[in-house]
Amino acid sequence: MKHHSTSNVLVQYLYGETSVLRKLEVENAIQEDQSINRSYETLRKGYKLLPKVSFYPSDDVLDAVVNYSKRPVLNYN
């Protein structure tokens, strides 16, 4: 996996934000390259220590967003 921002790619992989092709590329690199494997394991351990937080907007907030999206668009020329 020849990439300038290997750590960024590994973080994207951890969060499931990579394409299928990139996922396979990262998995191969983790198996083949000890340096990348060590970086991945360090990031994975840190990731596991992070609290798992989910935010869910209230129904009022969702209604406000939907109502806002229905408003006509103002064109400033």
PDB file of N, CA and C in Angstrom:
ATOM      1  N   MET A   1       0.861  -1.177   0.000  1.00  0.00           N
ATOM      2  CA  MET A   1       0.000   0.000   0.000  1.00  0.00           C
ATOM      3  C   MET A   1       0.897   1.227   0.000  1.00  0.00           C
ATOM      4  N   LYS A   2       1.189   1.742  -1.144  1.00  0.00           N
ATOM      5  CA  LYS A   2       2.029   2.925  -1.268  1.00  0.00           C
ATOM      6  C   LYS A   2       1.127   4.156  -1.231  1.00  0.00           C
ATOM      7  N   HIS A   3       1.099   4.812  -0.078  1.00  0.00           N
ATOM      8  CA  HIS A   3       0.228   5.971   0.078  1.00  0.00           C
ATOM      9  C   HIS A   3       0.868   6.924   1.067  1.00  0.00           C
ATOM     10  N   HIS A   4       0.849   8.212   0.764  1.00  0.00           N
ATOM     11  CA  HIS A   4       1.513   9.196   1.609  1.00  0.00           C
ATOM     12  C   HIS A   4       0.859   9.338   2.981  1.00  0.00           C
ATOM     13  N   SER A   5      -0.437   9.137   3.059  1.00  0.00           N
ATOM     14  CA  SER A   5      -1.129   9.323   4.337  1.00  0.00           C
ATOM     15  C   SER A   5      -1.672   7.991   4.837  1.00  0.00           C
ATOM     16  N   THR A   6      -0.769   7.062   5.081  1.00  0.00           N
ATOM     17  CA  THR A   6      -1.143   5.712   5.512  1.00  0.00           C
ATOM     18  C   THR A   6      -1.997   5.749   6.770  1.00  0.00           C
ATOM     19  N   SER A   7      -1.640   6.587   7.746  1.00  0.00           N
ATOM     20  CA  SER A   7      -2.427   6.666   8.979  1.00  0.00           C
ATOM     21  C   SER A   7      -3.857   7.099   8.698  1.00  0.00           C
ATOM     22  N   ASN A   8      -4.031   8.053   7.802  1.00  0.00           N
ATOM     23  CA  ASN A   8      -5.383   8.505   7.455  1.00  0.00           C
ATOM     24  C   ASN A   8      -6.189   7.368   6.836  1.00  0.00           C
ATOM     25  N   VAL A   9      -5.564   6.612   5.978  1.00  0.00           N
ATOM     26  CA  VAL A   9      -6.243   5.488   5.330  1.00  0.00           C
ATOM     27  C   VAL A   9      -6.597   4.427   6.371  1.00  0.00           C
ATOM     28  N   LEU A  10      -5.697   4.177   7.312  1.00  0.00           N
ATOM     29  CA  LEU A  10      -5.978   3.197   8.358  1.00  0.00           C
ATOM     30  C   LEU A  10      -7.146   3.651   9.237  1.00  0.00           C
ATOM     31  N   VAL A  11      -7.218   4.930   9.537  1.00  0.00           N
ATOM     32  CA  VAL A  11      -8.342   5.451  10.324  1.00  0.00           C
ATOM     33  C   VAL A  11      -9.640   5.299   9.534  1.00  0.00           C
ATOM     34  N   GLN A  12      -9.617   5.616   8.253  1.00  0.00           N
ATOM     35  CA  GLN A  12     -10.809   5.434   7.424  1.00  0.00           C
ATOM     36  C   GLN A  12     -11.220   3.968   7.406  1.00  0.00           C
ATOM     37  N   TYR A  13     -10.267   3.086   7.340  1.00  0.00           N
ATOM     38  CA  TYR A  13     -10.538   1.650   7.365  1.00  0.00           C
ATOM     39  C   TYR A  13     -11.190   1.252   8.686  1.00  0.00           C
ATOM     40  N   LEU A  14     -10.642   1.738   9.803  1.00  0.00           N
ATOM     41  CA  LEU A  14     -11.199   1.417  11.118  1.00  0.00           C
ATOM     42  C   LEU A  14     -12.660   1.845  11.231  1.00  0.00           C
ATOM     43  N   TYR A  15     -12.988   2.983  10.655  1.00  0.00           N
ATOM     44  CA  TYR A  15     -14.349   3.508  10.732  1.00  0.00           C
ATOM     45  C   TYR A  15     -15.246   3.007   9.595  1.00  0.00           C
ATOM     46  N   GLY A  16     -14.728   2.127   8.757  1.00  0.00           N
ATOM     47  CA  GLY A  16     -15.535   1.578   7.667  1.00  0.00           C
ATOM     48  C   GLY A  16     -15.867   2.591   6.593  1.00  0.00           C
ATOM     49  N   GLU A  17     -14.951   3.521   6.360  1.00  0.00           N
ATOM     50  CA  GLU A  17     -15.184   4.595   5.396  1.00  0.00           C
ATOM     51  C   GLU A  17     -14.302   4.472   4.158  1.00  0.00           C
ATOM     52  N   THR A  18     -14.022   3.243   3.760  1.00  0.00           N
ATOM     53  CA  THR A  18     -13.217   3.027   2.561  1.00  0.00           C
ATOM     54  C   THR A  18     -14.032   2.246   1.535  1.00  0.00           C
ATOM     55  N   SER A  19     -13.641   2.377   0.306  1.00  0.00           N
ATOM     56  CA  SER A  19     -14.277   1.590  -0.747  1.00  0.00           C
ATOM     57  C   SER A  19     -13.867   0.127  -0.576  1.00  0.00           C
ATOM     58  N   VAL A  20     -14.566  -0.751  -1.259  1.00  0.00           N
ATOM     59  CA  VAL A  20     -14.249  -2.179  -1.186  1.00  0.00           C
ATOM     60  C   VAL A  20     -12.824  -2.428  -1.670  1.00  0.00           C
ATOM     61  N   LEU A  21     -12.447  -1.778  -2.746  1.00  0.00           N
ATOM     62  CA  LEU A  21     -11.098  -1.948  -3.279  1.00  0.00           C
ATOM     63  C   LEU A  21     -10.046  -1.479  -2.279  1.00  0.00           C
ATOM     64  N   ARG A  22     -10.268  -0.306  -1.680  1.00  0.00           N
ATOM     65  CA  ARG A  22      -9.311   0.217  -0.695  1.00  0.00           C
ATOM     66  C   ARG A  22      -9.268  -0.682   0.535  1.00  0.00           C
ATOM     67  N   LYS A  23     -10.425  -1.216   0.950  1.00  0.00           N
ATOM     68  CA  LYS A  23     -10.484  -2.121   2.095  1.00  0.00           C
ATOM     69  C   LYS A  23      -9.586  -3.338   1.858  1.00  0.00           C
ATOM     70  N   LEU A  24      -9.695  -3.923   0.687  1.00  0.00           N
ATOM     71  CA  LEU A  24      -8.862  -5.083   0.352  1.00  0.00           C
ATOM     72  C   LEU A  24      -7.390  -4.708   0.318  1.00  0.00           C
ATOM     73  N   GLU A  25      -7.100  -3.543  -0.213  1.00  0.00           N
ATOM     74  CA  GLU A  25      -5.723  -3.063  -0.286  1.00  0.00           C
ATOM     75  C   GLU A  25      -5.144  -2.889   1.124  1.00  0.00           C
ATOM     76  N   VAL A  26      -5.928  -2.302   2.020  1.00  0.00           N
ATOM     77  CA  VAL A  26      -5.471  -2.082   3.399  1.00  0.00           C
ATOM     78  C   VAL A  26      -5.268  -3.418   4.109  1.00  0.00           C
ATOM     79  N   GLU A  27      -6.223  -4.322   3.969  1.00  0.00           N
ATOM     80  CA  GLU A  27      -6.099  -5.632   4.618  1.00  0.00           C
ATOM     81  C   GLU A  27      -4.849  -6.370   4.143  1.00  0.00           C
ATOM     82  N   ASN A  28      -4.571  -6.289   2.870  1.00  0.00           N
ATOM     83  CA  ASN A  28      -3.361  -6.913   2.328  1.00  0.00           C
ATOM     84  C   ASN A  28      -2.111  -6.256   2.903  1.00  0.00           C
ATOM     85  N   ALA A  29      -2.114  -4.932   2.960  1.00  0.00           N
ATOM     86  CA  ALA A  29      -0.962  -4.214   3.486  1.00  0.00           C
ATOM     87  C   ALA A  29      -0.725  -4.542   4.959  1.00  0.00           C
ATOM     88  N   ILE A  30      -1.799  -4.674   5.726  1.00  0.00           N
ATOM     89  CA  ILE A  30      -1.669  -5.022   7.143  1.00  0.00           C
ATOM     90  C   ILE A  30      -1.019  -6.390   7.304  1.00  0.00           C
ATOM     91  N   GLN A  31      -1.362  -7.306   6.421  1.00  0.00           N
ATOM     92  CA  GLN A  31      -0.794  -8.659   6.494  1.00  0.00           C
ATOM     93  C   GLN A  31       0.650  -8.708   6.000  1.00  0.00           C
ATOM     94  N   GLU A  32       0.963  -7.919   4.999  1.00  0.00           N
ATOM     95  CA  GLU A  32       2.263  -8.018   4.331  1.00  0.00           C
ATOM     96  C   GLU A  32       3.351  -7.107   4.915  1.00  0.00           C
ATOM     97  N   ASP A  33       2.969  -5.992   5.495  1.00  0.00           N
ATOM     98  CA  ASP A  33       3.940  -4.989   5.936  1.00  0.00           C
ATOM     99  C   ASP A  33       3.876  -4.838   7.456  1.00  0.00           C
ATOM    100  N   GLN A  34       4.956  -5.232   8.143  1.00  0.00           N
ATOM    101  CA  GLN A  34       4.980  -5.188   9.603  1.00  0.00           C
ATOM    102  C   GLN A  34       4.830  -3.772  10.151  1.00  0.00           C
ATOM    103  N   SER A  35       5.377  -2.801   9.459  1.00  0.00           N
ATOM    104  CA  SER A  35       5.275  -1.414   9.898  1.00  0.00           C
ATOM    105  C   SER A  35       3.814  -0.950   9.867  1.00  0.00           C
ATOM    106  N   ILE A  36       3.135  -1.257   8.791  1.00  0.00           N
ATOM    107  CA  ILE A  36       1.721  -0.899   8.667  1.00  0.00           C
ATOM    108  C   ILE A  36       0.905  -1.682   9.683  1.00  0.00           C
ATOM    109  N   ASN A  37       1.266  -2.948   9.908  1.00  0.00           N
ATOM    110  CA  ASN A  37       0.571  -3.767  10.891  1.00  0.00           C
ATOM    111  C   ASN A  37       0.686  -3.151  12.285  1.00  0.00           C
ATOM    112  N   ARG A  38       1.878  -2.707  12.651  1.00  0.00           N
ATOM    113  CA  ARG A  38       2.077  -2.083  13.966  1.00  0.00           C
ATOM    114  C   ARG A  38       1.268  -0.789  14.080  1.00  0.00           C
ATOM    115  N   SER A  39       1.285   0.015  13.021  1.00  0.00           N
ATOM    116  CA  SER A  39       0.502   1.259  13.029  1.00  0.00           C
ATOM    117  C   SER A  39      -0.982   0.960  13.182  1.00  0.00           C
ATOM    118  N   TYR A  40      -1.442  -0.034  12.442  1.00  0.00           N
ATOM    119  CA  TYR A  40      -2.858  -0.411  12.514  1.00  0.00           C
ATOM    120  C   TYR A  40      -3.225  -0.879  13.919  1.00  0.00           C
ATOM    121  N   GLU A  41      -2.395  -1.734  14.515  1.00  0.00           N
ATOM    122  CA  GLU A  41      -2.685  -2.252  15.854  1.00  0.00           C
ATOM    123  C   GLU A  41      -2.714  -1.126  16.885  1.00  0.00           C
ATOM    124  N   THR A  42      -1.816  -0.168  16.761  1.00  0.00           N
ATOM    125  CA  THR A  42      -1.802   0.978  17.669  1.00  0.00           C
ATOM    126  C   THR A  42      -3.087   1.786  17.525  1.00  0.00           C
ATOM    127  N   LEU A  43      -3.473   2.066  16.283  1.00  0.00           N
ATOM    128  CA  LEU A  43      -4.704   2.820  16.042  1.00  0.00           C
ATOM    129  C   LEU A  43      -5.934   2.044  16.506  1.00  0.00           C
ATOM    130  N   ARG A  44      -5.933   0.737  16.269  1.00  0.00           N
ATOM    131  CA  ARG A  44      -7.081  -0.098  16.655  1.00  0.00           C
ATOM    132  C   ARG A  44      -7.257  -0.116  18.166  1.00  0.00           C
ATOM    133  N   LYS A  45      -6.149  -0.223  18.899  1.00  0.00           N
ATOM    134  CA  LYS A  45      -6.231  -0.210  20.359  1.00  0.00           C
ATOM    135  C   LYS A  45      -6.767   1.129  20.862  1.00  0.00           C
ATOM    136  N   GLY A  46      -6.306   2.211  20.272  1.00  0.00           N
ATOM    137  CA  GLY A  46      -6.816   3.531  20.638  1.00  0.00           C
ATOM    138  C   GLY A  46      -8.291   3.677  20.315  1.00  0.00           C
ATOM    139  N   TYR A  47      -8.682   3.177  19.161  1.00  0.00           N
ATOM    140  CA  TYR A  47     -10.079   3.229  18.731  1.00  0.00           C
ATOM    141  C   TYR A  47     -10.985   2.490  19.722  1.00  0.00           C
ATOM    142  N   LYS A  48     -10.521   1.332  20.192  1.00  0.00           N
ATOM    143  CA  LYS A  48     -11.313   0.543  21.136  1.00  0.00           C
ATOM    144  C   LYS A  48     -11.484   1.255  22.476  1.00  0.00           C
ATOM    145  N   LEU A  49     -10.557   2.142  22.826  1.00  0.00           N
ATOM    146  CA  LEU A  49     -10.640   2.879  24.082  1.00  0.00           C
ATOM    147  C   LEU A  49     -11.586   4.077  24.012  1.00  0.00           C
ATOM    148  N   LEU A  50     -11.892   4.515  22.797  1.00  0.00           N
ATOM    149  CA  LEU A  50     -12.792   5.665  22.652  1.00  0.00           C
ATOM    150  C   LEU A  50     -14.213   5.288  23.066  1.00  0.00           C
ATOM    151  N   PRO A  51     -14.917   6.217  23.703  1.00  0.00           N
ATOM    152  CA  PRO A  51     -16.304   5.920  24.059  1.00  0.00           C
ATOM    153  C   PRO A  51     -17.160   5.818  22.801  1.00  0.00           C
ATOM    154  N   LYS A  52     -18.111   4.930  22.832  1.00  0.00           N
ATOM    155  CA  LYS A  52     -19.021   4.758  21.698  1.00  0.00           C
ATOM    156  C   LYS A  52     -20.236   5.648  21.937  1.00  0.00           C
ATOM    157  N   VAL A  53     -20.302   6.733  21.209  1.00  0.00           N
ATOM    158  CA  VAL A  53     -21.346   7.722  21.406  1.00  0.00           C
ATOM    159  C   VAL A  53     -22.171   7.821  20.133  1.00  0.00           C
ATOM    160  N   SER A  54     -23.461   7.874  20.301  1.00  0.00           N
ATOM    161  CA  SER A  54     -24.372   8.096  19.180  1.00  0.00           C
ATOM    162  C   SER A  54     -25.267   9.273  19.513  1.00  0.00           C
ATOM    163  N   PHE A  55     -25.475  10.122  18.558  1.00  0.00           N
ATOM    164  CA  PHE A  55     -26.336  11.270  18.753  1.00  0.00           C
ATOM    165  C   PHE A  55     -27.564  11.126  17.865  1.00  0.00           C
ATOM    166  N   TYR A  56     -28.707  11.330  18.461  1.00  0.00           N
ATOM    167  CA  TYR A  56     -29.954  11.257  17.728  1.00  0.00           C
ATOM    168  C   TYR A  56     -30.701  12.563  17.924  1.00  0.00           C
ATOM    169  N   PRO A  57     -30.972  13.278  16.836  1.00  0.00           N
ATOM    170  CA  PRO A  57     -31.687  14.547  16.986  1.00  0.00           C
ATOM    171  C   PRO A  57     -33.132  14.302  17.429  1.00  0.00           C
ATOM    172  N   SER A  58     -33.675  15.288  18.129  1.00  0.00           N
ATOM    173  CA  SER A  58     -35.064  15.173  18.582  1.00  0.00           C
ATOM    174  C   SER A  58     -36.001  15.296  17.387  1.00  0.00           C
ATOM    175  N   ASP A  59     -37.251  14.886  17.587  1.00  0.00           N
ATOM    176  CA  ASP A  59     -38.250  15.000  16.521  1.00  0.00           C
ATOM    177  C   ASP A  59     -38.455  16.448  16.122  1.00  0.00           C
ATOM    178  N   ASP A  60     -38.369  17.370  17.089  1.00  0.00           N
ATOM    179  CA  ASP A  60     -38.527  18.797  16.781  1.00  0.00           C
ATOM    180  C   ASP A  60     -37.436  19.279  15.827  1.00  0.00           C
ATOM    181  N   VAL A  61     -36.222  18.836  16.057  1.00  0.00           N
ATOM    182  CA  VAL A  61     -35.114  19.235  15.182  1.00  0.00           C
ATOM    183  C   VAL A  61     -35.318  18.656  13.785  1.00  0.00           C
ATOM    184  N   LEU A  62     -35.696  17.396  13.699  1.00  0.00           N
ATOM    185  CA  LEU A  62     -35.944  16.779  12.391  1.00  0.00           C
ATOM    186  C   LEU A  62     -37.068  17.499  11.657  1.00  0.00           C
ATOM    187  N   ASP A  63     -38.150  17.825  12.370  1.00  0.00           N
ATOM    188  CA  ASP A  63     -39.269  18.554  11.754  1.00  0.00           C
ATOM    189  C   ASP A  63     -38.808  19.918  11.249  1.00  0.00           C
ATOM    190  N   ALA A  64     -37.978  20.605  12.025  1.00  0.00           N
ATOM    191  CA  ALA A  64     -37.490  21.923  11.618  1.00  0.00           C
ATOM    192  C   ALA A  64     -36.647  21.816  10.352  1.00  0.00           C
ATOM    193  N   VAL A  65     -35.817  20.797  10.254  1.00  0.00           N
ATOM    194  CA  VAL A  65     -34.975  20.607   9.061  1.00  0.00           C
ATOM    195  C   VAL A  65     -35.848  20.317   7.843  1.00  0.00           C
ATOM    196  N   VAL A  66     -36.832  19.444   8.006  1.00  0.00           N
ATOM    197  CA  VAL A  66     -37.720  19.114   6.892  1.00  0.00           C
ATOM    198  C   VAL A  66     -38.501  20.348   6.454  1.00  0.00           C
ATOM    199  N   ASN A  67     -39.036  21.097   7.409  1.00  0.00           N
ATOM    200  CA  ASN A  67     -39.785  22.313   7.065  1.00  0.00           C
ATOM    201  C   ASN A  67     -38.893  23.338   6.380  1.00  0.00           C
ATOM    202  N   TYR A  68     -37.663  23.472   6.844  1.00  0.00           N
ATOM    203  CA  TYR A  68     -36.722  24.397   6.217  1.00  0.00           C
ATOM    204  C   TYR A  68     -36.431  23.984   4.780  1.00  0.00           C
ATOM    205  N   SER A  69     -36.320  22.693   4.553  1.00  0.00           N
ATOM    206  CA  SER A  69     -36.005  22.220   3.200  1.00  0.00           C
ATOM    207  C   SER A  69     -37.161  22.441   2.233  1.00  0.00           C
ATOM    208  N   LYS A  70     -38.357  22.627   2.755  1.00  0.00           N
ATOM    209  CA  LYS A  70     -39.528  22.851   1.906  1.00  0.00           C
ATOM    210  C   LYS A  70     -39.700  24.312   1.537  1.00  0.00           C
ATOM    211  N   ARG A  71     -38.967  25.196   2.185  1.00  0.00           N
ATOM    212  CA  ARG A  71     -39.085  26.628   1.910  1.00  0.00           C
ATOM    213  C   ARG A  71     -38.550  26.950   0.525  1.00  0.00           C
ATOM    214  N   PRO A  72     -39.152  27.938  -0.121  1.00  0.00           N
ATOM    215  CA  PRO A  72     -38.654  28.315  -1.442  1.00  0.00           C
ATOM    216  C   PRO A  72     -37.253  28.914  -1.344  1.00  0.00           C
ATOM    217  N   VAL A  73     -36.491  28.750  -2.396  1.00  0.00           N
ATOM    218  CA  VAL A  73     -35.129  29.239  -2.439  1.00  0.00           C
ATOM    219  C   VAL A  73     -35.138  30.710  -2.868  1.00  0.00           C
ATOM    220  N   LEU A  74     -34.387  31.518  -2.156  1.00  0.00           N
ATOM    221  CA  LEU A  74     -34.258  32.926  -2.535  1.00  0.00           C
ATOM    222  C   LEU A  74     -33.057  33.089  -3.439  1.00  0.00           C
ATOM    223  N   ASN A  75     -33.251  33.750  -4.563  1.00  0.00           N
ATOM    224  CA  ASN A  75     -32.158  33.984  -5.507  1.00  0.00           C
ATOM    225  C   ASN A  75     -31.709  35.424  -5.380  1.00  0.00           C
ATOM    226  N   TYR A  76     -30.464  35.627  -5.023  1.00  0.00           N
ATOM    227  CA  TYR A  76     -29.881  36.954  -4.958  1.00  0.00           C
ATOM    228  C   TYR A  76     -28.997  37.124  -6.171  1.00  0.00           C
ATOM    229  N   ASN A  77     -29.424  37.949  -7.088  1.00  0.00           N
ATOM    230  CA  ASN A  77     -28.653  38.162  -8.312  1.00  0.00           C
ATOM    231  C   ASN A  77     -27.776  39.337  -8.206  1.00  0.00           C
TER     232      ASN A  77
END
